[in-house]
Amino acid sequence: MSLKRAFVGCKRVIDYAVKIRVKPDKSGVVTEGVKHSMNPFDEIAVEEAVRMKEKKKLDEIIAVSAGPKASQDVLKTALAMGADKAIHVVVEDIEKLQPLAVAKIFSKLVERDQPELVFLGKQAIDDDANQTAQMLAGLQDWSQATFASEVILSDDASSLDVTREIDGGLETISVKLPTVLSVDLRLNEPRYATLPNIMKAKKKPMEQVTPEDLGVDIAPRIEVLSVSDPPERKAGIKVETVDDLLDKLRNEAKVL
């Protein structure tokens, strides 16, 4: 048996290779004129959904992203990787989009489209919140499997066996469907979208809705007071002997 439908979250973030700069007024980070791409953990989520579909265990993949018009770029990437449809939830003021608001948006879309599985990255590399998957599972009263490094669908498509990465090593759990799955780094290696698939993606449907259409209040619940760079570290030094090292640890660092 196979699952009928799955959602995959796709967040547009500053590219992981870009050096982050804080705004002069300390209100956030500079995003204008900066390269953006799909959140790396979300790429892994898309890849896992596509692999499940290729194994005939999933019929339809719908990629979902909330953000400004530029968020359509990451949805097009997901479509080129193998998603069937896309939903763009238009939010021009991206600063309003906190994890609870995103979870509420997904919750309304889940109620409307009835997917049996929601794939999300375990966290976004911009805010590192690691909250949306857990909040969505709570809102829907669904089971959840976080930090997944291996996912196996049961033969009757009623449950997932999920290997999770935890502090002590690995943990394997079984969760009943429907469920929310947050994926970890070692689950898979995402594919590159080929040119033919990029061209095909242009013909795939992309729906646009707003939070107001869904009846979702995205007003921020948390106020960011200030954003600052981490303190600069002093340059290291070399010592000639072990005695010199012990002296500095004892008399300068005061750790002995």
C-alpha atoms as a PDB file:
ATOM      1  CA  MET A   1       0.000   0.000   0.000  1.00  0.00           C
ATOM      2  CA  SER A   2       1.034   3.615  -0.470  1.00  0.00           C
ATOM      3  CA  LEU A   3       0.284   6.981   1.072  1.00  0.00           C
ATOM      4  CA  LYS A   4      -1.973   9.260  -0.929  1.00  0.00           C
ATOM      5  CA  ARG A   5      -0.365  12.631  -0.212  1.00  0.00           C
ATOM      6  CA  ALA A   6       2.484  14.278   1.676  1.00  0.00           C
ATOM      7  CA  PHE A   7       3.465  17.878   2.372  1.00  0.00           C
ATOM      8  CA  VAL A   8       7.082  19.035   2.361  1.00  0.00           C
ATOM      9  CA  GLY A   9       8.097  22.329   3.927  1.00  0.00           C
ATOM     10  CA  CYS A  10      10.562  24.472   1.937  1.00  0.00           C
ATOM     11  CA  LYS A  11      11.953  27.593   3.582  1.00  0.00           C
ATOM     12  CA  ARG A  12      13.942  30.256   1.733  1.00  0.00           C
ATOM     13  CA  VAL A  13      16.991  31.208   3.790  1.00  0.00           C
ATOM     14  CA  ILE A  14      20.283  33.012   3.316  1.00  0.00           C
ATOM     15  CA  ASP A  15      22.615  30.570   1.580  1.00  0.00           C
ATOM     16  CA  TYR A  16      24.789  28.582   3.967  1.00  0.00           C
ATOM     17  CA  ALA A  17      27.982  29.791   2.232  1.00  0.00           C
ATOM     18  CA  VAL A  18      27.214  33.502   2.747  1.00  0.00           C
ATOM     19  CA  LYS A  19      28.907  35.417   5.568  1.00  0.00           C
ATOM     20  CA  ILE A  20      26.129  36.863   7.714  1.00  0.00           C
ATOM     21  CA  ARG A  21      26.199  40.622   8.436  1.00  0.00           C
ATOM     22  CA  VAL A  22      24.227  42.316  11.196  1.00  0.00           C
ATOM     23  CA  LYS A  23      22.303  45.483  10.309  1.00  0.00           C
ATOM     24  CA  PRO A  24      23.788  48.715  11.704  1.00  0.00           C
ATOM     25  CA  ASP A  25      20.678  49.294  13.841  1.00  0.00           C
ATOM     26  CA  LYS A  26      20.965  45.769  15.353  1.00  0.00           C
ATOM     27  CA  SER A  27      17.393  44.956  14.276  1.00  0.00           C
ATOM     28  CA  GLY A  28      18.334  41.838  12.304  1.00  0.00           C
ATOM     29  CA  VAL A  29      20.671  40.612   9.597  1.00  0.00           C
ATOM     30  CA  VAL A  30      21.240  42.034   6.135  1.00  0.00           C
ATOM     31  CA  THR A  31      19.146  40.203   3.527  1.00  0.00           C
ATOM     32  CA  GLU A  32      19.108  42.669   0.618  1.00  0.00           C
ATOM     33  CA  GLY A  33      21.395  41.693  -2.225  1.00  0.00           C
ATOM     34  CA  VAL A  34      22.341  38.450  -0.483  1.00  0.00           C
ATOM     35  CA  LYS A  35      22.145  35.005  -2.100  1.00  0.00           C
ATOM     36  CA  HIS A  36      19.273  32.857  -0.825  1.00  0.00           C
ATOM     37  CA  SER A  37      18.516  29.175  -1.308  1.00  0.00           C
ATOM     38  CA  MET A  38      16.395  26.383   0.133  1.00  0.00           C
ATOM     39  CA  ASN A  39      17.103  25.513   3.745  1.00  0.00           C
ATOM     40  CA  PRO A  40      19.499  22.505   3.569  1.00  0.00           C
ATOM     41  CA  PHE A  41      17.407  20.409   5.963  1.00  0.00           C
ATOM     42  CA  ASP A  42      14.344  21.072   3.798  1.00  0.00           C
ATOM     43  CA  GLU A  43      16.261  19.832   0.740  1.00  0.00           C
ATOM     44  CA  ILE A  44      16.792  16.573   2.631  1.00  0.00           C
ATOM     45  CA  ALA A  45      13.056  16.453   3.396  1.00  0.00           C
ATOM     46  CA  VAL A  46      12.188  16.915  -0.293  1.00  0.00           C
ATOM     47  CA  GLU A  47      14.658  14.209  -1.303  1.00  0.00           C
ATOM     48  CA  GLU A  48      13.202  11.722   1.187  1.00  0.00           C
ATOM     49  CA  ALA A  49       9.664  12.370  -0.055  1.00  0.00           C
ATOM     50  CA  VAL A  50      10.778  11.926  -3.680  1.00  0.00           C
ATOM     51  CA  ARG A  51      12.560   8.661  -2.835  1.00  0.00           C
ATOM     52  CA  MET A  52       9.420   7.402  -1.139  1.00  0.00           C
ATOM     53  CA  LYS A  53       7.417   8.252  -4.246  1.00  0.00           C
ATOM     54  CA  GLU A  54       9.958   6.522  -6.492  1.00  0.00           C
ATOM     55  CA  LYS A  55       9.491   3.370  -4.409  1.00  0.00           C
ATOM     56  CA  LYS A  56       5.715   3.589  -5.103  1.00  0.00           C
ATOM     57  CA  LYS A  57       5.011   4.239  -1.433  1.00  0.00           C
ATOM     58  CA  LEU A  58       3.693   7.773  -1.952  1.00  0.00           C
ATOM     59  CA  ASP A  59       1.365   9.066  -4.664  1.00  0.00           C
ATOM     60  CA  GLU A  60       1.640  12.856  -4.452  1.00  0.00           C
ATOM     61  CA  ILE A  61       4.110  15.392  -3.047  1.00  0.00           C
ATOM     62  CA  ILE A  62       3.065  18.985  -2.371  1.00  0.00           C
ATOM     63  CA  ALA A  63       5.823  21.483  -1.556  1.00  0.00           C
ATOM     64  CA  VAL A  64       4.807  24.349   0.745  1.00  0.00           C
ATOM     65  CA  SER A  65       6.600  27.614   1.441  1.00  0.00           C
ATOM     66  CA  ALA A  66       5.577  30.771   3.267  1.00  0.00           C
ATOM     67  CA  GLY A  67       7.284  34.056   2.444  1.00  0.00           C
ATOM     68  CA  PRO A  68       7.649  36.772  -0.196  1.00  0.00           C
ATOM     69  CA  LYS A  69       7.428  36.261  -3.952  1.00  0.00           C
ATOM     70  CA  ALA A  70      11.071  35.159  -4.032  1.00  0.00           C
ATOM     71  CA  SER A  71      10.049  32.060  -2.052  1.00  0.00           C
ATOM     72  CA  GLN A  72       8.714  30.687  -5.321  1.00  0.00           C
ATOM     73  CA  ASP A  73      12.335  30.011  -6.279  1.00  0.00           C
ATOM     74  CA  VAL A  74      12.711  27.318  -3.626  1.00  0.00           C
ATOM     75  CA  LEU A  75       9.336  25.868  -4.577  1.00  0.00           C
ATOM     76  CA  LYS A  76      10.513  25.615  -8.185  1.00  0.00           C
ATOM     77  CA  THR A  77      13.597  23.792  -6.934  1.00  0.00           C
ATOM     78  CA  ALA A  78      11.384  21.340  -5.049  1.00  0.00           C
ATOM     79  CA  LEU A  79       9.242  20.812  -8.143  1.00  0.00           C
ATOM     80  CA  ALA A  80      12.360  20.182 -10.222  1.00  0.00           C
ATOM     81  CA  MET A  81      13.552  17.639  -7.651  1.00  0.00           C
ATOM     82  CA  GLY A  82      10.301  15.703  -8.012  1.00  0.00           C
ATOM     83  CA  ALA A  83       7.434  17.351  -6.131  1.00  0.00           C
ATOM     84  CA  ASP A  84       4.110  17.339  -7.984  1.00  0.00           C
ATOM     85  CA  LYS A  85       2.545  20.618  -6.858  1.00  0.00           C
ATOM     86  CA  ALA A  86       3.428  23.663  -4.811  1.00  0.00           C
ATOM     87  CA  ILE A  87       1.620  26.013  -2.447  1.00  0.00           C
ATOM     88  CA  HIS A  88       3.030  29.499  -1.884  1.00  0.00           C
ATOM     89  CA  VAL A  89       1.651  31.231   1.188  1.00  0.00           C
ATOM     90  CA  VAL A  90       2.355  34.872   0.440  1.00  0.00           C
ATOM     91  CA  VAL A  91       3.847  36.810   3.366  1.00  0.00           C
ATOM     92  CA  GLU A  92       5.817  39.868   2.271  1.00  0.00           C
ATOM     93  CA  ASP A  93       7.013  40.833   5.759  1.00  0.00           C
ATOM     94  CA  ILE A  94       9.109  37.767   6.502  1.00  0.00           C
ATOM     95  CA  GLU A  95      10.019  39.121   9.961  1.00  0.00           C
ATOM     96  CA  LYS A  96       6.459  38.326  11.070  1.00  0.00           C
ATOM     97  CA  LEU A  97       6.862  34.645  10.330  1.00  0.00           C
ATOM     98  CA  GLN A  98       7.733  33.001  13.609  1.00  0.00           C
ATOM     99  CA  PRO A  99       7.538  29.203  14.096  1.00  0.00           C
ATOM    100  CA  LEU A 100       4.071  29.266  15.670  1.00  0.00           C
ATOM    101  CA  ALA A 101       2.650  31.214  12.731  1.00  0.00           C
ATOM    102  CA  VAL A 102       4.202  28.789  10.246  1.00  0.00           C
ATOM    103  CA  ALA A 103       2.821  25.827  12.204  1.00  0.00           C
ATOM    104  CA  LYS A 104      -0.662  27.378  12.136  1.00  0.00           C
ATOM    105  CA  ILE A 105      -0.409  27.919   8.375  1.00  0.00           C
ATOM    106  CA  PHE A 106       0.584  24.292   7.852  1.00  0.00           C
ATOM    107  CA  SER A 107      -2.202  23.169  10.179  1.00  0.00           C
ATOM    108  CA  LYS A 108      -4.861  24.930   8.094  1.00  0.00           C
ATOM    109  CA  LEU A 109      -3.422  23.525   4.869  1.00  0.00           C
ATOM    110  CA  VAL A 110      -3.335  20.038   6.394  1.00  0.00           C
ATOM    111  CA  GLU A 111      -6.992  20.323   7.378  1.00  0.00           C
ATOM    112  CA  ARG A 112      -7.845  21.454   3.848  1.00  0.00           C
ATOM    113  CA  ASP A 113      -5.768  19.016   1.752  1.00  0.00           C
ATOM    114  CA  GLN A 114      -5.584  16.024   4.122  1.00  0.00           C
ATOM    115  CA  PRO A 115      -1.995  14.780   3.690  1.00  0.00           C
ATOM    116  CA  GLU A 116      -1.057  11.730   5.724  1.00  0.00           C
ATOM    117  CA  LEU A 117       2.534  12.801   6.239  1.00  0.00           C
ATOM    118  CA  VAL A 118       4.330  16.139   6.628  1.00  0.00           C
ATOM    119  CA  PHE A 119       8.074  16.299   6.000  1.00  0.00           C
ATOM    120  CA  LEU A 120       9.944  19.224   7.553  1.00  0.00           C
ATOM    121  CA  GLY A 121      13.596  20.012   8.100  1.00  0.00           C
ATOM    122  CA  LYS A 122      14.541  19.646  11.760  1.00  0.00           C
ATOM    123  CA  GLN A 123      15.460  23.345  11.833  1.00  0.00           C
ATOM    124  CA  ALA A 124      16.140  26.312   9.570  1.00  0.00           C
ATOM    125  CA  ILE A 125      19.710  27.538   9.403  1.00  0.00           C
ATOM    126  CA  ASP A 126      18.669  31.182   9.835  1.00  0.00           C
ATOM    127  CA  ASP A 127      16.840  31.100  13.172  1.00  0.00           C
ATOM    128  CA  ASP A 128      17.766  27.536  14.290  1.00  0.00           C
ATOM    129  CA  ALA A 129      14.425  27.409  16.089  1.00  0.00           C
ATOM    130  CA  ASN A 130      13.660  23.662  15.746  1.00  0.00           C
ATOM    131  CA  GLN A 131      10.027  24.297  16.715  1.00  0.00           C
ATOM    132  CA  THR A 132       7.674  24.177  13.720  1.00  0.00           C
ATOM    133  CA  ALA A 133       7.411  20.373  13.421  1.00  0.00           C
ATOM    134  CA  GLN A 134       6.665  19.910  17.108  1.00  0.00           C
ATOM    135  CA  MET A 135       4.136  22.746  17.149  1.00  0.00           C
ATOM    136  CA  LEU A 136       2.359  21.401  14.057  1.00  0.00           C
ATOM    137  CA  ALA A 137       2.084  17.945  15.601  1.00  0.00           C
ATOM    138  CA  GLY A 138       0.609  19.529  18.725  1.00  0.00           C
ATOM    139  CA  LEU A 139      -1.904  21.612  16.774  1.00  0.00           C
ATOM    140  CA  GLN A 140      -3.042  18.582  14.776  1.00  0.00           C
ATOM    141  CA  ASP A 141      -2.838  16.137  17.681  1.00  0.00           C
ATOM    142  CA  TRP A 142      -0.679  13.923  15.459  1.00  0.00           C
ATOM    143  CA  SER A 143       2.248  11.721  16.302  1.00  0.00           C
ATOM    144  CA  GLN A 144       5.700  13.134  15.598  1.00  0.00           C
ATOM    145  CA  ALA A 145       9.153  11.750  14.785  1.00  0.00           C
ATOM    146  CA  THR A 146      11.948  14.307  15.013  1.00  0.00           C
ATOM    147  CA  PHE A 147      15.628  14.248  13.985  1.00  0.00           C
ATOM    148  CA  ALA A 148      15.034  11.344  11.597  1.00  0.00           C
ATOM    149  CA  SER A 149      18.084   9.638  10.056  1.00  0.00           C
ATOM    150  CA  GLU A 150      16.171   6.666   8.609  1.00  0.00           C
ATOM    151  CA  VAL A 151      12.506   6.287   7.666  1.00  0.00           C
ATOM    152  CA  ILE A 152      10.733   3.014   6.784  1.00  0.00           C
ATOM    153  CA  LEU A 153       7.050   2.860   5.853  1.00  0.00           C
ATOM    154  CA  SER A 154       5.186  -0.246   6.980  1.00  0.00           C
ATOM    155  CA  ASP A 155       3.756  -2.616   4.344  1.00  0.00           C
ATOM    156  CA  ASP A 156       0.189  -1.564   5.156  1.00  0.00           C
ATOM    157  CA  ALA A 157       1.156   2.150   5.135  1.00  0.00           C
ATOM    158  CA  SER A 158      -0.217   2.642   8.632  1.00  0.00           C
ATOM    159  CA  SER A 159       2.988   3.506  10.483  1.00  0.00           C
ATOM    160  CA  LEU A 160       6.617   4.571  10.141  1.00  0.00           C
ATOM    161  CA  ASP A 161       9.680   3.092  11.781  1.00  0.00           C
ATOM    162  CA  VAL A 162      11.988   6.039  12.350  1.00  0.00           C
ATOM    163  CA  THR A 163      15.579   6.038  13.527  1.00  0.00           C
ATOM    164  CA  ARG A 164      16.271   9.257  15.423  1.00  0.00           C
ATOM    165  CA  GLU A 165      19.537  10.969  16.248  1.00  0.00           C
ATOM    166  CA  ILE A 166      19.690  11.711  19.974  1.00  0.00           C
ATOM    167  CA  ASP A 167      22.442  12.812  22.362  1.00  0.00           C
ATOM    168  CA  GLY A 168      23.224   9.245  23.379  1.00  0.00           C
ATOM    169  CA  GLY A 169      23.365   7.837  19.839  1.00  0.00           C
ATOM    170  CA  LEU A 170      20.396   6.471  17.894  1.00  0.00           C
ATOM    171  CA  GLU A 171      16.827   5.650  18.888  1.00  0.00           C
ATOM    172  CA  THR A 172      14.280   3.720  16.791  1.00  0.00           C
ATOM    173  CA  ILE A 173      10.591   4.433  17.297  1.00  0.00           C
ATOM    174  CA  SER A 174       7.367   3.472  15.558  1.00  0.00           C
ATOM    175  CA  VAL A 175       4.751   6.177  14.936  1.00  0.00           C
ATOM    176  CA  LYS A 176       1.237   5.821  13.591  1.00  0.00           C
ATOM    177  CA  LEU A 177       0.137   7.825  10.585  1.00  0.00           C
ATOM    178  CA  PRO A 178      -0.761  10.607  10.065  1.00  0.00           C
ATOM    179  CA  THR A 179       2.456  12.063  11.466  1.00  0.00           C
ATOM    180  CA  VAL A 180       4.896  14.976  11.308  1.00  0.00           C
ATOM    181  CA  LEU A 181       8.463  14.053  10.439  1.00  0.00           C
ATOM    182  CA  SER A 182      11.466  16.341  10.949  1.00  0.00           C
ATOM    183  CA  VAL A 183      14.586  15.167   9.140  1.00  0.00           C
ATOM    184  CA  ASP A 184      18.215  15.268  10.198  1.00  0.00           C
ATOM    185  CA  LEU A 185      21.414  15.734   8.239  1.00  0.00           C
ATOM    186  CA  ARG A 186      22.335  12.089   7.697  1.00  0.00           C
ATOM    187  CA  LEU A 187      18.992  10.905   6.308  1.00  0.00           C
ATOM    188  CA  ASN A 188      20.096  11.212   2.667  1.00  0.00           C
ATOM    189  CA  GLU A 189      22.094  13.192   0.111  1.00  0.00           C
ATOM    190  CA  PRO A 190      19.763  15.478  -1.891  1.00  0.00           C
ATOM    191  CA  ARG A 191      19.916  15.235  -5.671  1.00  0.00           C
ATOM    192  CA  TYR A 192      20.668  18.099  -8.024  1.00  0.00           C
ATOM    193  CA  ALA A 193      17.787  19.175 -10.240  1.00  0.00           C
ATOM    194  CA  THR A 194      18.566  18.357 -13.863  1.00  0.00           C
ATOM    195  CA  LEU A 195      17.865  20.817 -16.674  1.00  0.00           C
ATOM    196  CA  PRO A 196      15.019  18.707 -18.176  1.00  0.00           C
ATOM    197  CA  ASN A 197      13.345  18.516 -14.760  1.00  0.00           C
ATOM    198  CA  ILE A 198      13.816  22.249 -14.230  1.00  0.00           C
ATOM    199  CA  MET A 199      11.981  22.831 -17.505  1.00  0.00           C
ATOM    200  CA  LYS A 200       9.219  20.382 -16.553  1.00  0.00           C
ATOM    201  CA  ALA A 201       8.810  22.133 -13.198  1.00  0.00           C
ATOM    202  CA  LYS A 202       7.653  25.288 -14.978  1.00  0.00           C
ATOM    203  CA  LYS A 203       4.494  23.458 -16.055  1.00  0.00           C
ATOM    204  CA  LYS A 204       3.640  22.103 -12.624  1.00  0.00           C
ATOM    205  CA  PRO A 205       0.869  23.895 -10.690  1.00  0.00           C
ATOM    206  CA  MET A 206       1.702  26.438  -7.981  1.00  0.00           C
ATOM    207  CA  GLU A 207      -1.152  27.751  -5.849  1.00  0.00           C
ATOM    208  CA  GLN A 208      -0.931  31.111  -4.090  1.00  0.00           C
ATOM    209  CA  VAL A 209      -2.819  31.856  -0.883  1.00  0.00           C
ATOM    210  CA  THR A 210      -2.438  34.290   1.990  1.00  0.00           C
ATOM    211  CA  PRO A 211      -2.637  33.728   5.749  1.00  0.00           C
ATOM    212  CA  GLU A 212      -5.880  35.721   5.667  1.00  0.00           C
ATOM    213  CA  ASP A 213      -7.333  33.262   3.137  1.00  0.00           C
ATOM    214  CA  LEU A 214      -6.556  30.488   5.614  1.00  0.00           C
ATOM    215  CA  GLY A 215      -7.843  32.413   8.620  1.00  0.00           C
ATOM    216  CA  VAL A 216      -4.439  32.466  10.315  1.00  0.00           C
ATOM    217  CA  ASP A 217      -3.191  35.278  12.559  1.00  0.00           C
ATOM    218  CA  ILE A 218       0.575  35.567  11.996  1.00  0.00           C
ATOM    219  CA  ALA A 219       1.150  38.429  14.459  1.00  0.00           C
ATOM    220  CA  PRO A 220       4.523  37.839  16.180  1.00  0.00           C
ATOM    221  CA  ARG A 221       4.347  36.459  19.707  1.00  0.00           C
ATOM    222  CA  ILE A 222       8.026  37.158  20.423  1.00  0.00           C
ATOM    223  CA  GLU A 223       9.783  40.529  20.168  1.00  0.00           C
ATOM    224  CA  VAL A 224      13.421  40.583  19.071  1.00  0.00           C
ATOM    225  CA  LEU A 225      15.138  43.288  21.085  1.00  0.00           C
ATOM    226  CA  SER A 226      18.573  43.235  19.475  1.00  0.00           C
ATOM    227  CA  VAL A 227      20.782  41.181  17.158  1.00  0.00           C
ATOM    228  CA  SER A 228      24.552  41.358  17.512  1.00  0.00           C
ATOM    229  CA  ASP A 229      27.682  39.644  16.273  1.00  0.00           C
ATOM    230  CA  PRO A 230      29.330  37.146  18.615  1.00  0.00           C
ATOM    231  CA  PRO A 231      32.295  38.611  20.515  1.00  0.00           C
ATOM    232  CA  GLU A 232      35.571  38.375  18.668  1.00  0.00           C
ATOM    233  CA  ARG A 233      37.975  35.761  19.953  1.00  0.00           C
ATOM    234  CA  LYS A 234      41.508  36.746  20.814  1.00  0.00           C
ATOM    235  CA  ALA A 235      44.245  35.279  18.655  1.00  0.00           C
ATOM    236  CA  GLY A 236      45.894  32.151  19.977  1.00  0.00           C
ATOM    237  CA  ILE A 237      49.558  31.961  20.968  1.00  0.00           C
ATOM    238  CA  LYS A 238      52.254  29.314  20.816  1.00  0.00           C
ATOM    239  CA  VAL A 239      54.382  28.302  23.772  1.00  0.00           C
ATOM    240  CA  GLU A 240      57.815  26.767  23.648  1.00  0.00           C
ATOM    241  CA  THR A 241      57.587  24.241  26.459  1.00  0.00           C
ATOM    242  CA  VAL A 242      55.101  22.365  28.628  1.00  0.00           C
ATOM    243  CA  ASP A 243      56.253  24.435  31.585  1.00  0.00           C
ATOM    244  CA  ASP A 244      55.328  27.624  29.720  1.00  0.00           C
ATOM    245  CA  LEU A 245      51.888  26.157  28.956  1.00  0.00           C
ATOM    246  CA  LEU A 246      51.300  25.213  32.587  1.00  0.00           C
ATOM    247  CA  ASP A 247      52.411  28.657  33.706  1.00  0.00           C
ATOM    248  CA  LYS A 248      49.956  30.431  31.420  1.00  0.00           C
ATOM    249  CA  LEU A 249      47.091  28.086  32.342  1.00  0.00           C
ATOM    250  CA  ARG A 250      47.824  28.638  36.023  1.00  0.00           C
ATOM    251  CA  ASN A 251      48.595  32.359  36.142  1.00  0.00           C
ATOM    252  CA  GLU A 252      46.796  33.877  33.129  1.00  0.00           C
ATOM    253  CA  ALA A 253      43.834  31.629  32.307  1.00  0.00           C
ATOM    254  CA  LYS A 254      43.379  30.726  35.996  1.00  0.00           C
ATOM    255  CA  VAL A 255      42.122  27.252  35.103  1.00  0.00           C
ATOM    256  CA  LEU A 256      44.627  25.270  37.179  1.00  0.00           C
END
